[in-house]
Amino acid sequence: MTTTAGAPGADGEAAVRELRELAHGWIDGQYGDPARLVEAAARAVAAGVDTPALPLLAGLLRAELDQVPELFRQVMDELGFGFHPPEDYWQGRLALARWYAAEVVGGWLDPWDGAELVIENVAEAYGASEELAPVVDAVRALQDPGGPDYPSDVSAHLTRAARELLARIPA
């Protein structure tokens, strides 16, 4: 990523963060409002973020919104946070869980949101597994706020679980 000034500025970094946050909902084919993505791309361009596909995404008209998924995949790749799952469905589910966990550990995804995405998009389909156990167990501990296993710092608890999941699922 570059900005017109040559280095990412605060506005450019905030714009990329917004795109990355939107990617969390788009990454697995669960598309949100395409117009919102076009608006976020326009803000990124205005902030000086420069990738080949970004101005194309930012310039889409309402009648062209069907092009958003493909252009956004290109933008994600160009910005370095694209996701390319293996062709095997189950390996792809695990890769998705790993991607969400990496986003949590990297500070780009709220730990609670990341845990929910792992549970909803992976664990519910995949079922019980050693690889997913850190996050599943961490969320279970949060179901009893008065229980003995309830953590004092929920974000740290879920981030540790994400780190452990990363260690269990090879890149």
N, C-alpha and C. Protein backbone atom coordinates (compact mmCIF):
# COMPACT_ATOMS: atom_id res chain seq x y z
N MET A 1 0.83 -1.17 0.00
CA MET A 1 0.00 0.00 0.00
C MET A 1 0.88 1.23 0.00
N THR A 2 0.51 2.21 -0.77
CA THR A 2 1.19 3.49 -0.72
C THR A 2 0.14 4.59 -0.64
N THR A 3 0.56 5.75 -0.22
CA THR A 3 -0.30 6.92 -0.27
C THR A 3 0.37 7.92 -1.19
N THR A 4 -0.34 8.98 -1.52
CA THR A 4 0.24 9.96 -2.42
C THR A 4 1.48 10.61 -1.81
N ALA A 5 1.58 10.63 -0.50
CA ALA A 5 2.76 11.20 0.14
C ALA A 5 3.90 10.19 0.20
N GLY A 6 3.65 8.96 -0.23
CA GLY A 6 4.70 7.95 -0.27
C GLY A 6 4.71 7.01 0.91
N ALA A 7 4.11 7.40 2.03
CA ALA A 7 4.04 6.54 3.20
C ALA A 7 2.63 6.61 3.75
N PRO A 8 2.14 5.52 4.32
CA PRO A 8 0.77 5.54 4.84
C PRO A 8 0.61 6.61 5.92
N GLY A 9 -0.35 7.48 5.74
CA GLY A 9 -0.66 8.47 6.75
C GLY A 9 -1.76 7.95 7.64
N ALA A 10 -2.09 8.73 8.65
CA ALA A 10 -3.13 8.31 9.60
C ALA A 10 -4.46 8.09 8.89
N ASP A 11 -4.82 8.98 7.96
CA ASP A 11 -6.08 8.81 7.23
C ASP A 11 -6.05 7.56 6.37
N GLY A 12 -4.92 7.31 5.70
CA GLY A 12 -4.79 6.12 4.88
C GLY A 12 -4.84 4.85 5.69
N GLU A 13 -4.18 4.87 6.85
CA GLU A 13 -4.20 3.70 7.73
C GLU A 13 -5.61 3.43 8.24
N ALA A 14 -6.35 4.49 8.59
CA ALA A 14 -7.73 4.34 9.05
C ALA A 14 -8.60 3.79 7.92
N ALA A 15 -8.36 4.25 6.70
CA ALA A 15 -9.15 3.78 5.56
C ALA A 15 -8.87 2.31 5.26
N VAL A 16 -7.60 1.91 5.36
CA VAL A 16 -7.25 0.50 5.14
C VAL A 16 -7.86 -0.35 6.26
N ARG A 17 -7.83 0.15 7.48
CA ARG A 17 -8.43 -0.59 8.61
C ARG A 17 -9.93 -0.79 8.36
N GLU A 18 -10.61 0.25 7.85
CA GLU A 18 -12.03 0.12 7.54
C GLU A 18 -12.26 -0.96 6.49
N LEU A 19 -11.44 -0.96 5.44
CA LEU A 19 -11.57 -1.99 4.40
C LEU A 19 -11.32 -3.38 4.99
N ARG A 20 -10.33 -3.49 5.86
CA ARG A 20 -10.01 -4.77 6.48
C ARG A 20 -11.17 -5.25 7.35
N GLU A 21 -11.77 -4.33 8.09
CA GLU A 21 -12.93 -4.69 8.92
C GLU A 21 -14.09 -5.16 8.05
N LEU A 22 -14.30 -4.51 6.93
CA LEU A 22 -15.35 -4.95 6.00
C LEU A 22 -15.03 -6.32 5.43
N ALA A 23 -13.74 -6.60 5.25
CA ALA A 23 -13.34 -7.90 4.71
C ALA A 23 -13.75 -9.04 5.63
N HIS A 24 -13.80 -8.80 6.94
CA HIS A 24 -14.17 -9.87 7.87
C HIS A 24 -15.56 -10.41 7.57
N GLY A 25 -16.44 -9.58 7.07
CA GLY A 25 -17.77 -10.03 6.71
C GLY A 25 -17.88 -10.55 5.29
N TRP A 26 -16.93 -10.20 4.45
CA TRP A 26 -16.97 -10.57 3.04
C TRP A 26 -16.13 -11.79 2.72
N ILE A 27 -15.20 -12.11 3.56
CA ILE A 27 -14.16 -13.07 3.24
C ILE A 27 -14.70 -14.45 2.91
N ASP A 28 -15.80 -14.83 3.51
CA ASP A 28 -16.33 -16.17 3.33
C ASP A 28 -17.57 -16.18 2.44
N GLY A 29 -17.68 -15.18 1.59
CA GLY A 29 -18.81 -15.14 0.67
C GLY A 29 -20.09 -14.63 1.31
N GLN A 30 -20.01 -14.11 2.52
CA GLN A 30 -21.18 -13.55 3.19
C GLN A 30 -21.18 -12.05 2.95
N TYR A 31 -21.66 -11.69 1.80
CA TYR A 31 -21.54 -10.32 1.35
C TYR A 31 -22.47 -9.39 2.10
N GLY A 32 -21.95 -8.23 2.40
CA GLY A 32 -22.74 -7.17 3.01
C GLY A 32 -23.22 -6.23 1.92
N ASP A 33 -23.44 -5.01 2.29
CA ASP A 33 -23.93 -4.00 1.37
C ASP A 33 -22.80 -3.58 0.43
N PRO A 34 -22.90 -3.89 -0.87
CA PRO A 34 -21.81 -3.54 -1.79
C PRO A 34 -21.60 -2.03 -1.89
N ALA A 35 -22.66 -1.25 -1.75
CA ALA A 35 -22.52 0.21 -1.83
C ALA A 35 -21.65 0.72 -0.68
N ARG A 36 -21.75 0.09 0.47
CA ARG A 36 -20.92 0.49 1.62
C ARG A 36 -19.43 0.25 1.31
N LEU A 37 -19.16 -0.83 0.60
CA LEU A 37 -17.77 -1.12 0.24
C LEU A 37 -17.24 -0.12 -0.77
N VAL A 38 -18.07 0.26 -1.72
CA VAL A 38 -17.67 1.26 -2.71
C VAL A 38 -17.38 2.59 -2.01
N GLU A 39 -18.21 2.95 -1.03
CA GLU A 39 -17.99 4.19 -0.27
C GLU A 39 -16.69 4.11 0.53
N ALA A 40 -16.42 2.97 1.14
CA ALA A 40 -15.17 2.80 1.90
C ALA A 40 -13.97 2.89 0.96
N ALA A 41 -14.09 2.32 -0.23
CA ALA A 41 -13.00 2.40 -1.21
C ALA A 41 -12.78 3.85 -1.63
N ALA A 42 -13.84 4.60 -1.80
CA ALA A 42 -13.72 6.01 -2.17
C ALA A 42 -13.01 6.80 -1.06
N ARG A 43 -13.34 6.50 0.21
CA ARG A 43 -12.65 7.17 1.32
C ARG A 43 -11.17 6.81 1.32
N ALA A 44 -10.86 5.56 1.00
CA ALA A 44 -9.45 5.14 0.97
C ALA A 44 -8.70 5.87 -0.14
N VAL A 45 -9.29 5.97 -1.31
CA VAL A 45 -8.65 6.69 -2.41
C VAL A 45 -8.44 8.15 -2.01
N ALA A 46 -9.46 8.77 -1.41
CA ALA A 46 -9.35 10.16 -1.00
C ALA A 46 -8.27 10.35 0.07
N ALA A 47 -8.03 9.30 0.87
CA ALA A 47 -7.00 9.36 1.91
C ALA A 47 -5.61 9.08 1.37
N GLY A 48 -5.53 8.76 0.07
CA GLY A 48 -4.23 8.55 -0.55
C GLY A 48 -3.78 7.11 -0.64
N VAL A 49 -4.66 6.15 -0.33
CA VAL A 49 -4.30 4.74 -0.48
C VAL A 49 -4.27 4.44 -1.96
N ASP A 50 -3.22 3.76 -2.40
CA ASP A 50 -3.01 3.55 -3.83
C ASP A 50 -2.75 2.09 -4.12
N THR A 51 -3.73 1.43 -4.72
CA THR A 51 -3.55 0.09 -5.27
C THR A 51 -4.22 0.09 -6.64
N PRO A 52 -3.85 -0.82 -7.51
CA PRO A 52 -4.44 -0.80 -8.86
C PRO A 52 -5.97 -0.95 -8.90
N ALA A 53 -6.53 -1.82 -8.09
CA ALA A 53 -7.97 -2.08 -8.17
C ALA A 53 -8.81 -1.12 -7.32
N LEU A 54 -8.20 -0.45 -6.36
CA LEU A 54 -8.97 0.40 -5.44
C LEU A 54 -9.75 1.51 -6.15
N PRO A 55 -9.16 2.28 -7.07
CA PRO A 55 -9.96 3.31 -7.74
C PRO A 55 -11.07 2.71 -8.61
N LEU A 56 -10.84 1.51 -9.13
CA LEU A 56 -11.89 0.86 -9.92
C LEU A 56 -13.08 0.53 -9.03
N LEU A 57 -12.79 0.02 -7.82
CA LEU A 57 -13.86 -0.29 -6.86
C LEU A 57 -14.55 0.99 -6.43
N ALA A 58 -13.77 2.02 -6.12
CA ALA A 58 -14.32 3.29 -5.64
C ALA A 58 -15.21 3.97 -6.69
N GLY A 59 -14.94 3.73 -7.95
CA GLY A 59 -15.66 4.40 -9.02
C GLY A 59 -16.87 3.66 -9.55
N LEU A 60 -17.21 2.53 -8.95
CA LEU A 60 -18.37 1.78 -9.45
C LEU A 60 -19.67 2.54 -9.25
N LEU A 61 -20.52 2.45 -10.24
CA LEU A 61 -21.86 3.05 -10.18
C LEU A 61 -22.83 2.02 -9.62
N ARG A 62 -23.99 2.47 -9.18
CA ARG A 62 -25.00 1.54 -8.62
C ARG A 62 -25.30 0.38 -9.58
N ALA A 63 -25.35 0.66 -10.85
CA ALA A 63 -25.66 -0.37 -11.84
C ALA A 63 -24.52 -1.37 -12.01
N GLU A 64 -23.36 -1.08 -11.45
CA GLU A 64 -22.18 -1.95 -11.59
C GLU A 64 -21.82 -2.69 -10.30
N LEU A 65 -22.70 -2.66 -9.31
CA LEU A 65 -22.37 -3.24 -8.01
C LEU A 65 -22.13 -4.75 -8.06
N ASP A 66 -22.54 -5.40 -9.13
CA ASP A 66 -22.27 -6.83 -9.25
C ASP A 66 -20.77 -7.10 -9.40
N GLN A 67 -19.98 -6.08 -9.70
CA GLN A 67 -18.53 -6.22 -9.85
C GLN A 67 -17.79 -6.10 -8.51
N VAL A 68 -18.50 -5.71 -7.46
CA VAL A 68 -17.87 -5.47 -6.16
C VAL A 68 -17.13 -6.70 -5.63
N PRO A 69 -17.72 -7.89 -5.59
CA PRO A 69 -16.99 -9.02 -5.00
C PRO A 69 -15.63 -9.28 -5.63
N GLU A 70 -15.56 -9.28 -6.95
CA GLU A 70 -14.29 -9.56 -7.62
C GLU A 70 -13.28 -8.43 -7.39
N LEU A 71 -13.73 -7.20 -7.51
CA LEU A 71 -12.81 -6.08 -7.30
C LEU A 71 -12.34 -6.02 -5.84
N PHE A 72 -13.24 -6.31 -4.92
CA PHE A 72 -12.83 -6.27 -3.51
C PHE A 72 -11.82 -7.38 -3.20
N ARG A 73 -11.99 -8.54 -3.81
CA ARG A 73 -10.97 -9.61 -3.63
C ARG A 73 -9.61 -9.13 -4.12
N GLN A 74 -9.60 -8.43 -5.25
CA GLN A 74 -8.33 -7.88 -5.76
C GLN A 74 -7.74 -6.86 -4.80
N VAL A 75 -8.59 -5.98 -4.28
CA VAL A 75 -8.12 -4.96 -3.34
C VAL A 75 -7.55 -5.63 -2.09
N MET A 76 -8.24 -6.63 -1.57
CA MET A 76 -7.75 -7.33 -0.38
C MET A 76 -6.37 -7.94 -0.64
N ASP A 77 -6.21 -8.55 -1.80
CA ASP A 77 -4.91 -9.12 -2.15
C ASP A 77 -3.85 -8.03 -2.26
N GLU A 78 -4.19 -6.94 -2.90
CA GLU A 78 -3.23 -5.85 -3.09
C GLU A 78 -2.82 -5.21 -1.76
N LEU A 79 -3.74 -5.20 -0.80
CA LEU A 79 -3.44 -4.62 0.51
C LEU A 79 -2.84 -5.66 1.47
N GLY A 80 -2.81 -6.91 1.04
CA GLY A 80 -2.14 -7.94 1.83
C GLY A 80 -3.00 -8.64 2.85
N PHE A 81 -4.32 -8.54 2.75
CA PHE A 81 -5.14 -9.29 3.69
C PHE A 81 -6.20 -10.14 3.00
N GLY A 82 -5.86 -10.59 1.81
CA GLY A 82 -6.75 -11.50 1.10
C GLY A 82 -6.72 -12.87 1.73
N PHE A 83 -7.70 -13.67 1.43
CA PHE A 83 -7.81 -15.02 1.97
C PHE A 83 -8.08 -15.97 0.82
N HIS A 84 -7.25 -17.01 0.72
CA HIS A 84 -7.39 -17.98 -0.36
C HIS A 84 -7.44 -19.38 0.25
N PRO A 85 -8.64 -19.88 0.51
CA PRO A 85 -8.74 -21.18 1.18
C PRO A 85 -8.36 -22.33 0.26
N PRO A 86 -7.92 -23.43 0.87
CA PRO A 86 -7.68 -24.64 0.08
C PRO A 86 -8.99 -25.10 -0.57
N GLU A 87 -8.88 -25.87 -1.61
CA GLU A 87 -10.09 -26.33 -2.30
C GLU A 87 -10.90 -27.33 -1.47
N ASP A 88 -10.24 -28.12 -0.64
CA ASP A 88 -10.95 -29.04 0.23
C ASP A 88 -11.79 -28.25 1.22
N TYR A 89 -13.09 -28.56 1.29
CA TYR A 89 -14.01 -27.78 2.12
C TYR A 89 -13.56 -27.71 3.58
N TRP A 90 -13.25 -28.86 4.16
CA TRP A 90 -12.90 -28.89 5.58
C TRP A 90 -11.57 -28.21 5.84
N GLN A 91 -10.61 -28.40 4.97
CA GLN A 91 -9.34 -27.69 5.13
C GLN A 91 -9.55 -26.18 4.96
N GLY A 92 -10.47 -25.83 4.09
CA GLY A 92 -10.82 -24.42 3.90
C GLY A 92 -11.45 -23.81 5.14
N ARG A 93 -12.30 -24.60 5.83
CA ARG A 93 -12.91 -24.14 7.08
C ARG A 93 -11.82 -23.87 8.13
N LEU A 94 -10.87 -24.80 8.24
CA LEU A 94 -9.78 -24.61 9.20
C LEU A 94 -8.92 -23.41 8.82
N ALA A 95 -8.67 -23.24 7.54
CA ALA A 95 -7.89 -22.09 7.09
C ALA A 95 -8.62 -20.78 7.41
N LEU A 96 -9.94 -20.79 7.29
CA LEU A 96 -10.73 -19.61 7.63
C LEU A 96 -10.62 -19.32 9.12
N ALA A 97 -10.71 -20.35 9.95
CA ALA A 97 -10.56 -20.16 11.40
C ALA A 97 -9.18 -19.58 11.71
N ARG A 98 -8.17 -20.08 11.01
CA ARG A 98 -6.81 -19.58 11.21
C ARG A 98 -6.72 -18.11 10.81
N TRP A 99 -7.35 -17.76 9.70
CA TRP A 99 -7.32 -16.37 9.24
C TRP A 99 -7.98 -15.45 10.26
N TYR A 100 -9.16 -15.85 10.77
CA TYR A 100 -9.82 -15.04 11.79
C TYR A 100 -8.93 -14.90 13.03
N ALA A 101 -8.33 -16.01 13.46
CA ALA A 101 -7.46 -15.96 14.64
C ALA A 101 -6.27 -15.03 14.40
N ALA A 102 -5.68 -15.08 13.22
CA ALA A 102 -4.56 -14.20 12.89
C ALA A 102 -5.00 -12.74 12.90
N GLU A 103 -6.20 -12.47 12.46
CA GLU A 103 -6.73 -11.12 12.47
C GLU A 103 -6.90 -10.62 13.91
N VAL A 104 -7.34 -11.52 14.81
CA VAL A 104 -7.48 -11.16 16.23
C VAL A 104 -6.11 -10.88 16.83
N VAL A 105 -5.18 -11.79 16.63
CA VAL A 105 -3.84 -11.64 17.20
C VAL A 105 -3.15 -10.40 16.63
N GLY A 106 -3.39 -10.09 15.37
CA GLY A 106 -2.80 -8.91 14.75
C GLY A 106 -3.45 -7.60 15.17
N GLY A 107 -4.56 -7.70 15.89
CA GLY A 107 -5.24 -6.49 16.35
C GLY A 107 -6.19 -5.89 15.34
N TRP A 108 -6.48 -6.60 14.26
CA TRP A 108 -7.36 -6.08 13.21
C TRP A 108 -8.80 -6.51 13.37
N LEU A 109 -9.04 -7.43 14.28
CA LEU A 109 -10.39 -7.95 14.51
C LEU A 109 -10.60 -8.03 16.01
N ASP A 110 -11.70 -7.48 16.47
CA ASP A 110 -12.04 -7.53 17.89
C ASP A 110 -12.07 -9.00 18.34
N PRO A 111 -11.45 -9.33 19.47
CA PRO A 111 -11.39 -10.72 19.90
C PRO A 111 -12.76 -11.40 20.02
N TRP A 112 -13.74 -10.68 20.55
CA TRP A 112 -15.07 -11.28 20.67
C TRP A 112 -15.68 -11.53 19.29
N ASP A 113 -15.55 -10.55 18.40
CA ASP A 113 -16.06 -10.72 17.03
C ASP A 113 -15.36 -11.89 16.34
N GLY A 114 -14.05 -12.00 16.52
CA GLY A 114 -13.30 -13.10 15.92
C GLY A 114 -13.75 -14.45 16.44
N ALA A 115 -13.97 -14.53 17.75
CA ALA A 115 -14.44 -15.80 18.33
C ALA A 115 -15.82 -16.16 17.78
N GLU A 116 -16.69 -15.15 17.66
CA GLU A 116 -18.02 -15.42 17.09
C GLU A 116 -17.91 -15.92 15.65
N LEU A 117 -17.02 -15.31 14.86
CA LEU A 117 -16.86 -15.73 13.47
C LEU A 117 -16.33 -17.17 13.40
N VAL A 118 -15.40 -17.51 14.26
CA VAL A 118 -14.88 -18.89 14.28
C VAL A 118 -16.00 -19.85 14.65
N ILE A 119 -16.78 -19.52 15.67
CA ILE A 119 -17.87 -20.40 16.09
C ILE A 119 -18.92 -20.53 14.99
N GLU A 120 -19.41 -19.39 14.49
CA GLU A 120 -20.51 -19.41 13.52
C GLU A 120 -20.11 -19.95 12.15
N ASN A 121 -18.94 -19.57 11.67
CA ASN A 121 -18.56 -19.91 10.29
C ASN A 121 -17.72 -21.16 10.18
N VAL A 122 -17.19 -21.64 11.30
CA VAL A 122 -16.33 -22.80 11.22
C VAL A 122 -16.78 -23.91 12.17
N ALA A 123 -16.79 -23.63 13.46
CA ALA A 123 -17.07 -24.68 14.44
C ALA A 123 -18.45 -25.30 14.27
N GLU A 124 -19.45 -24.48 13.95
CA GLU A 124 -20.79 -25.03 13.77
C GLU A 124 -20.86 -25.97 12.58
N ALA A 125 -20.10 -25.70 11.54
CA ALA A 125 -20.08 -26.58 10.37
C ALA A 125 -19.11 -27.74 10.56
N TYR A 126 -17.98 -27.46 11.17
CA TYR A 126 -16.89 -28.44 11.29
C TYR A 126 -17.13 -29.42 12.42
N GLY A 127 -17.72 -28.94 13.50
CA GLY A 127 -17.93 -29.79 14.66
C GLY A 127 -16.73 -29.74 15.59
N ALA A 128 -16.77 -30.59 16.58
CA ALA A 128 -15.70 -30.63 17.59
C ALA A 128 -14.38 -31.05 16.94
N SER A 129 -13.32 -30.35 17.31
CA SER A 129 -12.00 -30.71 16.80
C SER A 129 -10.94 -30.13 17.74
N GLU A 130 -9.80 -30.77 17.77
CA GLU A 130 -8.68 -30.29 18.57
C GLU A 130 -8.22 -28.92 18.10
N GLU A 131 -8.25 -28.69 16.80
CA GLU A 131 -7.78 -27.42 16.25
C GLU A 131 -8.63 -26.24 16.73
N LEU A 132 -9.93 -26.43 16.79
CA LEU A 132 -10.83 -25.34 17.15
C LEU A 132 -11.09 -25.24 18.65
N ALA A 133 -10.65 -26.25 19.40
CA ALA A 133 -10.93 -26.33 20.84
C ALA A 133 -10.53 -25.07 21.62
N PRO A 134 -9.40 -24.43 21.33
CA PRO A 134 -9.06 -23.25 22.14
C PRO A 134 -10.14 -22.17 22.11
N VAL A 135 -10.66 -21.89 20.95
CA VAL A 135 -11.67 -20.83 20.83
C VAL A 135 -13.01 -21.32 21.37
N VAL A 136 -13.39 -22.54 21.04
CA VAL A 136 -14.66 -23.08 21.52
C VAL A 136 -14.66 -23.13 23.05
N ASP A 137 -13.59 -23.61 23.64
CA ASP A 137 -13.50 -23.67 25.11
C ASP A 137 -13.48 -22.28 25.73
N ALA A 138 -12.81 -21.34 25.08
CA ALA A 138 -12.75 -19.97 25.59
C ALA A 138 -14.14 -19.34 25.61
N VAL A 139 -14.91 -19.57 24.56
CA VAL A 139 -16.27 -19.03 24.50
C VAL A 139 -17.15 -19.71 25.53
N ARG A 140 -16.99 -21.02 25.70
CA ARG A 140 -17.76 -21.74 26.73
C ARG A 140 -17.52 -21.14 28.12
N ALA A 141 -16.28 -20.81 28.41
CA ALA A 141 -15.95 -20.23 29.71
C ALA A 141 -16.66 -18.90 29.93
N LEU A 142 -17.00 -18.22 28.84
CA LEU A 142 -17.67 -16.92 28.94
C LEU A 142 -19.18 -17.05 29.11
N GLN A 143 -19.70 -18.25 29.00
CA GLN A 143 -21.15 -18.44 29.10
C GLN A 143 -21.65 -18.41 30.55
N ASP A 144 -20.73 -18.48 31.51
CA ASP A 144 -21.11 -18.44 32.92
C ASP A 144 -20.34 -17.32 33.62
N PRO A 145 -20.88 -16.08 33.56
CA PRO A 145 -20.14 -14.94 34.12
C PRO A 145 -19.78 -15.08 35.61
N GLY A 146 -20.53 -15.88 36.34
CA GLY A 146 -20.23 -16.07 37.76
C GLY A 146 -19.42 -17.32 38.02
N GLY A 147 -19.08 -18.03 36.96
CA GLY A 147 -18.39 -19.31 37.12
C GLY A 147 -16.92 -19.15 37.47
N PRO A 148 -16.33 -20.24 37.96
CA PRO A 148 -14.93 -20.19 38.39
C PRO A 148 -13.94 -20.00 37.23
N ASP A 149 -14.34 -20.34 36.03
CA ASP A 149 -13.44 -20.22 34.88
C ASP A 149 -13.60 -18.91 34.13
N TYR A 150 -14.48 -18.03 34.62
CA TYR A 150 -14.71 -16.77 33.91
C TYR A 150 -13.46 -15.89 34.04
N PRO A 151 -12.93 -15.45 32.88
CA PRO A 151 -11.68 -14.66 32.92
C PRO A 151 -11.91 -13.23 33.41
N SER A 152 -10.88 -12.65 33.98
CA SER A 152 -10.98 -11.26 34.43
C SER A 152 -10.86 -10.29 33.24
N ASP A 153 -10.16 -10.70 32.19
CA ASP A 153 -10.00 -9.87 30.99
C ASP A 153 -10.44 -10.70 29.78
N VAL A 154 -11.66 -10.44 29.33
CA VAL A 154 -12.25 -11.23 28.25
C VAL A 154 -11.44 -11.10 26.96
N SER A 155 -11.04 -9.89 26.60
CA SER A 155 -10.28 -9.70 25.36
C SER A 155 -8.96 -10.47 25.39
N ALA A 156 -8.25 -10.39 26.50
CA ALA A 156 -6.98 -11.13 26.62
C ALA A 156 -7.23 -12.63 26.57
N HIS A 157 -8.30 -13.08 27.20
CA HIS A 157 -8.66 -14.50 27.22
C HIS A 157 -8.91 -15.00 25.79
N LEU A 158 -9.68 -14.24 25.02
CA LEU A 158 -10.00 -14.65 23.65
C LEU A 158 -8.79 -14.51 22.73
N THR A 159 -7.95 -13.53 22.97
CA THR A 159 -6.72 -13.38 22.17
C THR A 159 -5.77 -14.54 22.42
N ARG A 160 -5.64 -14.98 23.67
CA ARG A 160 -4.81 -16.16 23.98
C ARG A 160 -5.36 -17.39 23.26
N ALA A 161 -6.68 -17.53 23.25
CA ALA A 161 -7.30 -18.66 22.56
C ALA A 161 -6.99 -18.59 21.06
N ALA A 162 -7.03 -17.40 20.49
CA ALA A 162 -6.71 -17.23 19.07
C ALA A 162 -5.26 -17.61 18.80
N ARG A 163 -4.34 -17.22 19.69
CA ARG A 163 -2.92 -17.60 19.53
C ARG A 163 -2.77 -19.12 19.57
N GLU A 164 -3.47 -19.75 20.49
CA GLU A 164 -3.37 -21.21 20.60
C GLU A 164 -3.95 -21.88 19.35
N LEU A 165 -5.04 -21.34 18.83
CA LEU A 165 -5.61 -21.88 17.59
C LEU A 165 -4.60 -21.76 16.46
N LEU A 166 -3.89 -20.64 16.38
CA LEU A 166 -2.87 -20.46 15.34
C LEU A 166 -1.77 -21.52 15.45
N ALA A 167 -1.43 -21.86 16.67
CA ALA A 167 -0.39 -22.88 16.87
C ALA A 167 -0.86 -24.27 16.45
N ARG A 168 -2.17 -24.50 16.50
CA ARG A 168 -2.71 -25.83 16.18
C ARG A 168 -3.04 -26.03 14.71
N ILE A 169 -3.21 -24.93 13.99
CA ILE A 169 -3.56 -25.04 12.56
C ILE A 169 -2.39 -24.51 11.74
N PRO A 170 -1.70 -25.37 11.02
CA PRO A 170 -0.54 -24.91 10.25
C PRO A 170 -0.93 -23.95 9.13
N ALA A 171 -0.01 -23.06 8.83
CA ALA A 171 -0.27 -22.07 7.77
C ALA A 171 -0.24 -22.71 6.41
